Amino acid sequence: WGGHLEGEGVMDWLAYGTGSRFWHGERLVGSGFHGTGCVLATAIACGLAVGVPLLAAVEQGRVWLRQAMVGSVALGCGQRLLWRTGCDS
């Protein structure tokens, strides 16, 4: 669900073979963000590709996405574009 639900917080949910897990986070103030779901899915896939276990890959992906959201760029009046500086993990 990410930030698409109403309320002060955001929530991500993962269902996998042996169970499910919820992650909760603080909602960032702003006009909204473009591409968060795709970026999160890509970050998770990259983690899995280098051998990171599933739950750790999701947690790392959420951290990476959050950093990109904090550094996002507002162009015009629409949604913010994700931006993350640096080439670290």
PDB file of N, CA and C in Angstrom:
ATOM      1  N   TRP A   1       0.811  -1.197   0.000  1.00  0.00           N
ATOM      2  CA  TRP A   1       0.000   0.000   0.000  1.00  0.00           C
ATOM      3  C   TRP A   1       0.852   1.258   0.000  1.00  0.00           C
ATOM      4  N   GLY A   2       2.020   1.185   0.611  1.00  0.00           N
ATOM      5  CA  GLY A   2       2.889   2.355   0.649  1.00  0.00           C
ATOM      6  C   GLY A   2       2.172   3.558   1.207  1.00  0.00           C
ATOM      7  N   GLY A   3       2.214   4.650   0.498  1.00  0.00           N
ATOM      8  CA  GLY A   3       1.577   5.878   0.948  1.00  0.00           C
ATOM      9  C   GLY A   3       0.220   6.132   0.338  1.00  0.00           C
ATOM     10  N   HIS A   4      -0.368   5.142  -0.321  1.00  0.00           N
ATOM     11  CA  HIS A   4      -1.635   5.355  -1.006  1.00  0.00           C
ATOM     12  C   HIS A   4      -2.849   5.341  -0.078  1.00  0.00           C
ATOM     13  N   LEU A   5      -2.686   4.849   1.122  1.00  0.00           N
ATOM     14  CA  LEU A   5      -3.796   4.844   2.069  1.00  0.00           C
ATOM     15  C   LEU A   5      -3.841   6.160   2.831  1.00  0.00           C
ATOM     16  N   GLU A   6      -4.988   6.504   3.349  1.00  0.00           N
ATOM     17  CA  GLU A   6      -5.147   7.710   4.158  1.00  0.00           C
ATOM     18  C   GLU A   6      -4.486   7.511   5.515  1.00  0.00           C
ATOM     19  N   GLY A   7      -4.108   8.609   6.147  1.00  0.00           N
ATOM     20  CA  GLY A   7      -3.569   8.538   7.492  1.00  0.00           C
ATOM     21  C   GLY A   7      -2.202   9.171   7.598  1.00  0.00           C
ATOM     22  N   GLU A   8      -1.717   9.213   8.825  1.00  0.00           N
ATOM     23  CA  GLU A   8      -0.441   9.868   9.091  1.00  0.00           C
ATOM     24  C   GLU A   8       0.762   9.005   8.719  1.00  0.00           C
ATOM     25  N   GLY A   9       0.604   7.709   8.743  1.00  0.00           N
ATOM     26  CA  GLY A   9       1.714   6.813   8.459  1.00  0.00           C
ATOM     27  C   GLY A   9       1.575   6.129   7.112  1.00  0.00           C
ATOM     28  N   VAL A  10       2.596   5.378   6.764  1.00  0.00           N
ATOM     29  CA  VAL A  10       2.574   4.572   5.551  1.00  0.00           C
ATOM     30  C   VAL A  10       2.831   3.121   5.941  1.00  0.00           C
ATOM     31  N   MET A  11       2.386   2.204   5.100  1.00  0.00           N
ATOM     32  CA  MET A  11       2.523   0.797   5.434  1.00  0.00           C
ATOM     33  C   MET A  11       2.844   0.008   4.169  1.00  0.00           C
ATOM     34  N   ASP A  12       3.810  -0.878   4.289  1.00  0.00           N
ATOM     35  CA  ASP A  12       4.130  -1.829   3.228  1.00  0.00           C
ATOM     36  C   ASP A  12       3.826  -3.213   3.756  1.00  0.00           C
ATOM     37  N   TRP A  13       3.333  -4.079   2.874  1.00  0.00           N
ATOM     38  CA  TRP A  13       2.971  -5.436   3.270  1.00  0.00           C
ATOM     39  C   TRP A  13       3.581  -6.407   2.272  1.00  0.00           C
ATOM     40  N   LEU A  14       4.205  -7.446   2.794  1.00  0.00           N
ATOM     41  CA  LEU A  14       4.792  -8.499   1.970  1.00  0.00           C
ATOM     42  C   LEU A  14       4.173  -9.828   2.363  1.00  0.00           C
ATOM     43  N   ALA A  15       3.628 -10.542   1.394  1.00  0.00           N
ATOM     44  CA  ALA A  15       3.156 -11.909   1.595  1.00  0.00           C
ATOM     45  C   ALA A  15       4.131 -12.824   0.872  1.00  0.00           C
ATOM     46  N   TYR A  16       4.644 -13.817   1.569  1.00  0.00           N
ATOM     47  CA  TYR A  16       5.598 -14.752   0.977  1.00  0.00           C
ATOM     48  C   TYR A  16       5.221 -16.160   1.389  1.00  0.00           C
ATOM     49  N   GLY A  17       5.948 -17.144   0.889  1.00  0.00           N
ATOM     50  CA  GLY A  17       5.599 -18.550   1.045  1.00  0.00           C
ATOM     51  C   GLY A  17       5.189 -19.004   2.427  1.00  0.00           C
ATOM     52  N   THR A  18       5.873 -18.540   3.469  1.00  0.00           N
ATOM     53  CA  THR A  18       5.589 -19.043   4.815  1.00  0.00           C
ATOM     54  C   THR A  18       4.915 -18.023   5.723  1.00  0.00           C
ATOM     55  N   GLY A  19       4.520 -16.895   5.209  1.00  0.00           N
ATOM     56  CA  GLY A  19       3.865 -15.910   6.065  1.00  0.00           C
ATOM     57  C   GLY A  19       3.736 -14.551   5.420  1.00  0.00           C
ATOM     58  N   SER A  20       3.651 -13.558   6.265  1.00  0.00           N
ATOM     59  CA  SER A  20       3.549 -12.190   5.777  1.00  0.00           C
ATOM     60  C   SER A  20       4.179 -11.251   6.801  1.00  0.00           C
ATOM     61  N   ARG A  21       4.463 -10.030   6.367  1.00  0.00           N
ATOM     62  CA  ARG A  21       5.110  -9.054   7.238  1.00  0.00           C
ATOM     63  C   ARG A  21       4.650  -7.664   6.849  1.00  0.00           C
ATOM     64  N   PHE A  22       4.418  -6.823   7.846  1.00  0.00           N
ATOM     65  CA  PHE A  22       4.071  -5.419   7.649  1.00  0.00           C
ATOM     66  C   PHE A  22       5.238  -4.550   8.076  1.00  0.00           C
ATOM     67  N   TRP A  23       5.449  -3.453   7.374  1.00  0.00           N
ATOM     68  CA  TRP A  23       6.404  -2.422   7.766  1.00  0.00           C
ATOM     69  C   TRP A  23       5.630  -1.116   7.841  1.00  0.00           C
ATOM     70  N   HIS A  24       5.849  -0.379   8.901  1.00  0.00           N
ATOM     71  CA  HIS A  24       5.189   0.911   9.088  1.00  0.00           C
ATOM     72  C   HIS A  24       6.239   2.013   9.044  1.00  0.00           C
ATOM     73  N   GLY A  25       5.852   3.178   8.558  1.00  0.00           N
ATOM     74  CA  GLY A  25       6.771   4.302   8.497  1.00  0.00           C
ATOM     75  C   GLY A  25       6.042   5.620   8.624  1.00  0.00           C
ATOM     76  N   GLU A  26       6.815   6.660   8.807  1.00  0.00           N
ATOM     77  CA  GLU A  26       6.274   8.013   8.915  1.00  0.00           C
ATOM     78  C   GLU A  26       6.039   8.569   7.508  1.00  0.00           C
ATOM     79  N   ARG A  27       4.908   9.224   7.317  1.00  0.00           N
ATOM     80  CA  ARG A  27       4.592   9.833   6.026  1.00  0.00           C
ATOM     81  C   ARG A  27       5.402  11.114   5.858  1.00  0.00           C
ATOM     82  N   LEU A  28       6.008  11.285   4.702  1.00  0.00           N
ATOM     83  CA  LEU A  28       6.731  12.510   4.398  1.00  0.00           C
ATOM     84  C   LEU A  28       5.749  13.573   3.913  1.00  0.00           C
ATOM     85  N   VAL A  29       5.977  14.792   4.308  1.00  0.00           N
ATOM     86  CA  VAL A  29       5.134  15.903   3.889  1.00  0.00           C
ATOM     87  C   VAL A  29       5.502  16.274   2.460  1.00  0.00           C
ATOM     88  N   GLY A  30       4.510  16.575   1.656  1.00  0.00           N
ATOM     89  CA  GLY A  30       4.787  16.987   0.282  1.00  0.00           C
ATOM     90  C   GLY A  30       3.624  16.687  -0.628  1.00  0.00           C
ATOM     91  N   SER A  31       3.813  16.983  -1.897  1.00  0.00           N
ATOM     92  CA  SER A  31       2.741  16.845  -2.882  1.00  0.00           C
ATOM     93  C   SER A  31       2.619  15.439  -3.450  1.00  0.00           C
ATOM     94  N   GLY A  32       3.356  14.516  -2.932  1.00  0.00           N
ATOM     95  CA  GLY A  32       3.313  13.151  -3.434  1.00  0.00           C
ATOM     96  C   GLY A  32       4.577  12.823  -4.201  1.00  0.00           C
ATOM     97  N   PHE A  33       4.780  11.568  -4.461  1.00  0.00           N
ATOM     98  CA  PHE A  33       5.997  11.102  -5.107  1.00  0.00           C
ATOM     99  C   PHE A  33       5.627  10.229  -6.285  1.00  0.00           C
ATOM    100  N   HIS A  34       6.458  10.245  -7.306  1.00  0.00           N
ATOM    101  CA  HIS A  34       6.217   9.461  -8.509  1.00  0.00           C
ATOM    102  C   HIS A  34       7.229   8.328  -8.589  1.00  0.00           C
ATOM    103  N   GLY A  35       6.774   7.093  -8.750  1.00  0.00           N
ATOM    104  CA  GLY A  35       7.654   5.964  -9.002  1.00  0.00           C
ATOM    105  C   GLY A  35       8.106   5.176  -7.797  1.00  0.00           C
ATOM    106  N   THR A  36       7.511   5.417  -6.643  1.00  0.00           N
ATOM    107  CA  THR A  36       7.994   4.757  -5.427  1.00  0.00           C
ATOM    108  C   THR A  36       7.831   3.237  -5.462  1.00  0.00           C
ATOM    109  N   GLY A  37       6.736   2.763  -5.973  1.00  0.00           N
ATOM    110  CA  GLY A  37       6.518   1.315  -6.021  1.00  0.00           C
ATOM    111  C   GLY A  37       7.509   0.620  -6.937  1.00  0.00           C
ATOM    112  N   CYS A  38       7.746   1.206  -8.095  1.00  0.00           N
ATOM    113  CA  CYS A  38       8.707   0.631  -9.038  1.00  0.00           C
ATOM    114  C   CYS A  38      10.116   0.665  -8.472  1.00  0.00           C
ATOM    115  N   VAL A  39      10.480   1.765  -7.828  1.00  0.00           N
ATOM    116  CA  VAL A  39      11.820   1.880  -7.254  1.00  0.00           C
ATOM    117  C   VAL A  39      11.996   0.873  -6.121  1.00  0.00           C
ATOM    118  N   LEU A  40      10.983   0.711  -5.271  1.00  0.00           N
ATOM    119  CA  LEU A  40      11.081  -0.258  -4.180  1.00  0.00           C
ATOM    120  C   LEU A  40      11.223  -1.676  -4.732  1.00  0.00           C
ATOM    121  N   ALA A  41      10.408  -2.024  -5.710  1.00  0.00           N
ATOM    122  CA  ALA A  41      10.487  -3.368  -6.302  1.00  0.00           C
ATOM    123  C   ALA A  41      11.856  -3.619  -6.922  1.00  0.00           C
ATOM    124  N   THR A  42      12.409  -2.617  -7.583  1.00  0.00           N
ATOM    125  CA  THR A  42      13.722  -2.752  -8.203  1.00  0.00           C
ATOM    126  C   THR A  42      14.815  -2.902  -7.155  1.00  0.00           C
ATOM    127  N   ALA A  43      14.731  -2.114  -6.087  1.00  0.00           N
ATOM    128  CA  ALA A  43      15.730  -2.210  -5.013  1.00  0.00           C
ATOM    129  C   ALA A  43      15.693  -3.591  -4.367  1.00  0.00           C
ATOM    130  N   ILE A  44      14.509  -4.125  -4.150  1.00  0.00           N
ATOM    131  CA  ILE A  44      14.377  -5.469  -3.570  1.00  0.00           C
ATOM    132  C   ILE A  44      14.968  -6.505  -4.524  1.00  0.00           C
ATOM    133  N   ALA A  45      14.635  -6.404  -5.808  1.00  0.00           N
ATOM    134  CA  ALA A  45      15.150  -7.356  -6.802  1.00  0.00           C
ATOM    135  C   ALA A  45      16.673  -7.309  -6.872  1.00  0.00           C
ATOM    136  N   CYS A  46      17.244  -6.120  -6.784  1.00  0.00           N
ATOM    137  CA  CYS A  46      18.711  -5.995  -6.806  1.00  0.00           C
ATOM    138  C   CYS A  46      19.331  -6.676  -5.592  1.00  0.00           C
ATOM    139  N   GLY A  47      18.721  -6.488  -4.428  1.00  0.00           N
ATOM    140  CA  GLY A  47      19.215  -7.158  -3.233  1.00  0.00           C
ATOM    141  C   GLY A  47      19.157  -8.667  -3.377  1.00  0.00           C
ATOM    142  N   LEU A  48      18.036  -9.173  -3.869  1.00  0.00           N
ATOM    143  CA  LEU A  48      17.890 -10.617  -4.059  1.00  0.00           C
ATOM    144  C   LEU A  48      18.913 -11.147  -5.067  1.00  0.00           C
ATOM    145  N   ALA A  49      19.195 -10.356  -6.104  1.00  0.00           N
ATOM    146  CA  ALA A  49      20.125 -10.780  -7.149  1.00  0.00           C
ATOM    147  C   ALA A  49      21.547 -10.977  -6.627  1.00  0.00           C
ATOM    148  N   VAL A  50      21.898 -10.245  -5.574  1.00  0.00           N
ATOM    149  CA  VAL A  50      23.251 -10.402  -5.014  1.00  0.00           C
ATOM    150  C   VAL A  50      23.253 -11.280  -3.770  1.00  0.00           C
ATOM    151  N   GLY A  51      22.138 -11.974  -3.515  1.00  0.00           N
ATOM    152  CA  GLY A  51      22.104 -12.959  -2.453  1.00  0.00           C
ATOM    153  C   GLY A  51      21.599 -12.498  -1.102  1.00  0.00           C
ATOM    154  N   VAL A  52      21.026 -11.303  -1.023  1.00  0.00           N
ATOM    155  CA  VAL A  52      20.469 -10.822   0.243  1.00  0.00           C
ATOM    156  C   VAL A  52      19.168 -11.588   0.511  1.00  0.00           C
ATOM    157  N   PRO A  53      18.957 -12.101   1.722  1.00  0.00           N
ATOM    158  CA  PRO A  53      17.699 -12.788   2.043  1.00  0.00           C
ATOM    159  C   PRO A  53      16.497 -11.858   1.860  1.00  0.00           C
ATOM    160  N   LEU A  54      15.345 -12.444   1.567  1.00  0.00           N
ATOM    161  CA  LEU A  54      14.156 -11.675   1.200  1.00  0.00           C
ATOM    162  C   LEU A  54      13.821 -10.554   2.178  1.00  0.00           C
ATOM    163  N   LEU A  55      13.630 -10.858   3.466  1.00  0.00           N
ATOM    164  CA  LEU A  55      13.211  -9.820   4.409  1.00  0.00           C
ATOM    165  C   LEU A  55      14.263  -8.721   4.541  1.00  0.00           C
ATOM    166  N   ALA A  56      15.527  -9.086   4.511  1.00  0.00           N
ATOM    167  CA  ALA A  56      16.599  -8.087   4.564  1.00  0.00           C
ATOM    168  C   ALA A  56      16.609  -7.234   3.297  1.00  0.00           C
ATOM    169  N   ALA A  57      16.334  -7.849   2.144  1.00  0.00           N
ATOM    170  CA  ALA A  57      16.282  -7.099   0.888  1.00  0.00           C
ATOM    171  C   ALA A  57      15.149  -6.079   0.914  1.00  0.00           C
ATOM    172  N   VAL A  58      14.014  -6.451   1.492  1.00  0.00           N
ATOM    173  CA  VAL A  58      12.899  -5.511   1.603  1.00  0.00           C
ATOM    174  C   VAL A  58      13.276  -4.367   2.540  1.00  0.00           C
ATOM    175  N   GLU A  59      13.863  -4.688   3.666  1.00  0.00           N
ATOM    176  CA  GLU A  59      14.255  -3.644   4.620  1.00  0.00           C
ATOM    177  C   GLU A  59      15.279  -2.695   4.005  1.00  0.00           C
ATOM    178  N   GLN A  60      16.283  -3.244   3.316  1.00  0.00           N
ATOM    179  CA  GLN A  60      17.290  -2.402   2.662  1.00  0.00           C
ATOM    180  C   GLN A  60      16.660  -1.569   1.550  1.00  0.00           C
ATOM    181  N   GLY A  61      15.756  -2.163   0.808  1.00  0.00           N
ATOM    182  CA  GLY A  61      15.064  -1.440  -0.260  1.00  0.00           C
ATOM    183  C   GLY A  61      14.240  -0.285   0.281  1.00  0.00           C
ATOM    184  N   ARG A  62      13.587  -0.504   1.411  1.00  0.00           N
ATOM    185  CA  ARG A  62      12.789   0.561   2.021  1.00  0.00           C
ATOM    186  C   ARG A  62      13.679   1.717   2.491  1.00  0.00           C
ATOM    187  N   VAL A  63      14.846   1.397   3.035  1.00  0.00           N
ATOM    188  CA  VAL A  63      15.792   2.442   3.451  1.00  0.00           C
ATOM    189  C   VAL A  63      16.266   3.227   2.235  1.00  0.00           C
ATOM    190  N   TRP A  64      16.631   2.524   1.172  1.00  0.00           N
ATOM    191  CA  TRP A  64      17.115   3.180  -0.045  1.00  0.00           C
ATOM    192  C   TRP A  64      16.031   4.092  -0.609  1.00  0.00           C
ATOM    193  N   LEU A  65      14.805   3.580  -0.674  1.00  0.00           N
ATOM    194  CA  LEU A  65      13.690   4.375  -1.194  1.00  0.00           C
ATOM    195  C   LEU A  65      13.449   5.604  -0.332  1.00  0.00           C
ATOM    196  N   ARG A  66      13.467   5.443   0.970  1.00  0.00           N
ATOM    197  CA  ARG A  66      13.237   6.575   1.874  1.00  0.00           C
ATOM    198  C   ARG A  66      14.271   7.675   1.634  1.00  0.00           C
ATOM    199  N   GLN A  67      15.525   7.281   1.443  1.00  0.00           N
ATOM    200  CA  GLN A  67      16.570   8.269   1.167  1.00  0.00           C
ATOM    201  C   GLN A  67      16.297   8.993  -0.151  1.00  0.00           C
ATOM    202  N   ALA A  68      15.818   8.262  -1.144  1.00  0.00           N
ATOM    203  CA  ALA A  68      15.482   8.879  -2.429  1.00  0.00           C
ATOM    204  C   ALA A  68      14.283   9.819  -2.292  1.00  0.00           C
ATOM    205  N   MET A  69      13.354   9.480  -1.428  1.00  0.00           N
ATOM    206  CA  MET A  69      12.193  10.342  -1.212  1.00  0.00           C
ATOM    207  C   MET A  69      12.599  11.625  -0.479  1.00  0.00           C
ATOM    208  N   VAL A  70      13.454  11.486   0.512  1.00  0.00           N
ATOM    209  CA  VAL A  70      13.918  12.662   1.257  1.00  0.00           C
ATOM    210  C   VAL A  70      14.675  13.608   0.322  1.00  0.00           C
ATOM    211  N   GLY A  71      15.430  13.072  -0.614  1.00  0.00           N
ATOM    212  CA  GLY A  71      16.192  13.894  -1.545  1.00  0.00           C
ATOM    213  C   GLY A  71      15.449  14.236  -2.821  1.00  0.00           C
ATOM    214  N   SER A  72      14.138  13.995  -2.861  1.00  0.00           N
ATOM    215  CA  SER A  72      13.364  14.176  -4.088  1.00  0.00           C
ATOM    216  C   SER A  72      13.367  15.625  -4.569  1.00  0.00           C
ATOM    217  N   VAL A  73      13.027  15.774  -5.839  1.00  0.00           N
ATOM    218  CA  VAL A  73      13.063  17.068  -6.513  1.00  0.00           C
ATOM    219  C   VAL A  73      11.655  17.426  -6.979  1.00  0.00           C
ATOM    220  N   ALA A  74      11.246  18.655  -6.692  1.00  0.00           N
ATOM    221  CA  ALA A  74       9.949  19.143  -7.158  1.00  0.00           C
ATOM    222  C   ALA A  74      10.163  19.941  -8.438  1.00  0.00           C
ATOM    223  N   LEU A  75       9.590  19.477  -9.516  1.00  0.00           N
ATOM    224  CA  LEU A  75       9.643  20.196 -10.785  1.00  0.00           C
ATOM    225  C   LEU A  75       8.225  20.600 -11.152  1.00  0.00           C
ATOM    226  N   GLY A  76       7.939  21.870 -11.180  1.00  0.00           N
ATOM    227  CA  GLY A  76       6.596  22.328 -11.486  1.00  0.00           C
ATOM    228  C   GLY A  76       5.657  22.075 -10.322  1.00  0.00           C
ATOM    229  N   CYS A  77       4.407  21.770 -10.642  1.00  0.00           N
ATOM    230  CA  CYS A  77       3.374  21.624  -9.612  1.00  0.00           C
ATOM    231  C   CYS A  77       2.955  20.176  -9.380  1.00  0.00           C
ATOM    232  N   GLY A  78       3.599  19.234 -10.036  1.00  0.00           N
ATOM    233  CA  GLY A  78       3.191  17.843  -9.929  1.00  0.00           C
ATOM    234  C   GLY A  78       3.869  17.094  -8.809  1.00  0.00           C
ATOM    235  N   GLN A  79       3.874  15.784  -8.941  1.00  0.00           N
ATOM    236  CA  GLN A  79       4.498  14.928  -7.945  1.00  0.00           C
ATOM    237  C   GLN A  79       6.010  15.112  -7.955  1.00  0.00           C
ATOM    238  N   ARG A  80       6.619  14.809  -6.824  1.00  0.00           N
ATOM    239  CA  ARG A  80       8.070  14.938  -6.691  1.00  0.00           C
ATOM    240  C   ARG A  80       8.758  13.757  -7.384  1.00  0.00           C
ATOM    241  N   LEU A  81       9.915  14.006  -7.976  1.00  0.00           N
ATOM    242  CA  LEU A  81      10.706  12.971  -8.629  1.00  0.00           C
ATOM    243  C   LEU A  81      11.769  12.478  -7.655  1.00  0.00           C
ATOM    244  N   LEU A  82      11.910  11.182  -7.546  1.00  0.00           N
ATOM    245  CA  LEU A  82      12.874  10.601  -6.605  1.00  0.00           C
ATOM    246  C   LEU A  82      14.282  10.948  -7.037  1.00  0.00           C
ATOM    247  N   TRP A  83      15.127  11.222  -6.044  1.00  0.00           N
ATOM    248  CA  TRP A  83      16.507  11.584  -6.328  1.00  0.00           C
ATOM    249  C   TRP A  83      17.367  11.140  -5.156  1.00  0.00           C
ATOM    250  N   ARG A  84      18.431  10.439  -5.453  1.00  0.00           N
ATOM    251  CA  ARG A  84      19.334   9.989  -4.409  1.00  0.00           C
ATOM    252  C   ARG A  84      20.756  10.210  -4.881  1.00  0.00           C
ATOM    253  N   THR A  85      21.519  10.949  -4.112  1.00  0.00           N
ATOM    254  CA  THR A  85      22.894  11.217  -4.507  1.00  0.00           C
ATOM    255  C   THR A  85      23.813  10.126  -3.986  1.00  0.00           C
ATOM    256  N   GLY A  86      24.960   9.994  -4.593  1.00  0.00           N
ATOM    257  CA  GLY A  86      25.942   9.012  -4.152  1.00  0.00           C
ATOM    258  C   GLY A  86      25.734   7.663  -4.808  1.00  0.00           C
ATOM    259  N   CYS A  87      26.780   6.893  -4.796  1.00  0.00           N
ATOM    260  CA  CYS A  87      26.742   5.566  -5.421  1.00  0.00           C
ATOM    261  C   CYS A  87      26.938   4.456  -4.393  1.00  0.00           C
ATOM    262  N   ASP A  88      26.728   4.771  -3.116  1.00  0.00           N
ATOM    263  CA  ASP A  88      26.886   3.748  -2.080  1.00  0.00           C
ATOM    264  C   ASP A  88      25.695   2.816  -2.095  1.00  0.00           C
ATOM    265  N   SER A  89      25.711   1.798  -1.270  1.00  0.00           N
ATOM    266  CA  SER A  89      24.646   0.785  -1.266  1.00  0.00           C
ATOM    267  C   SER A  89      23.326   1.325  -0.821  1.00  0.00           C
TER     268      SER A  89
END
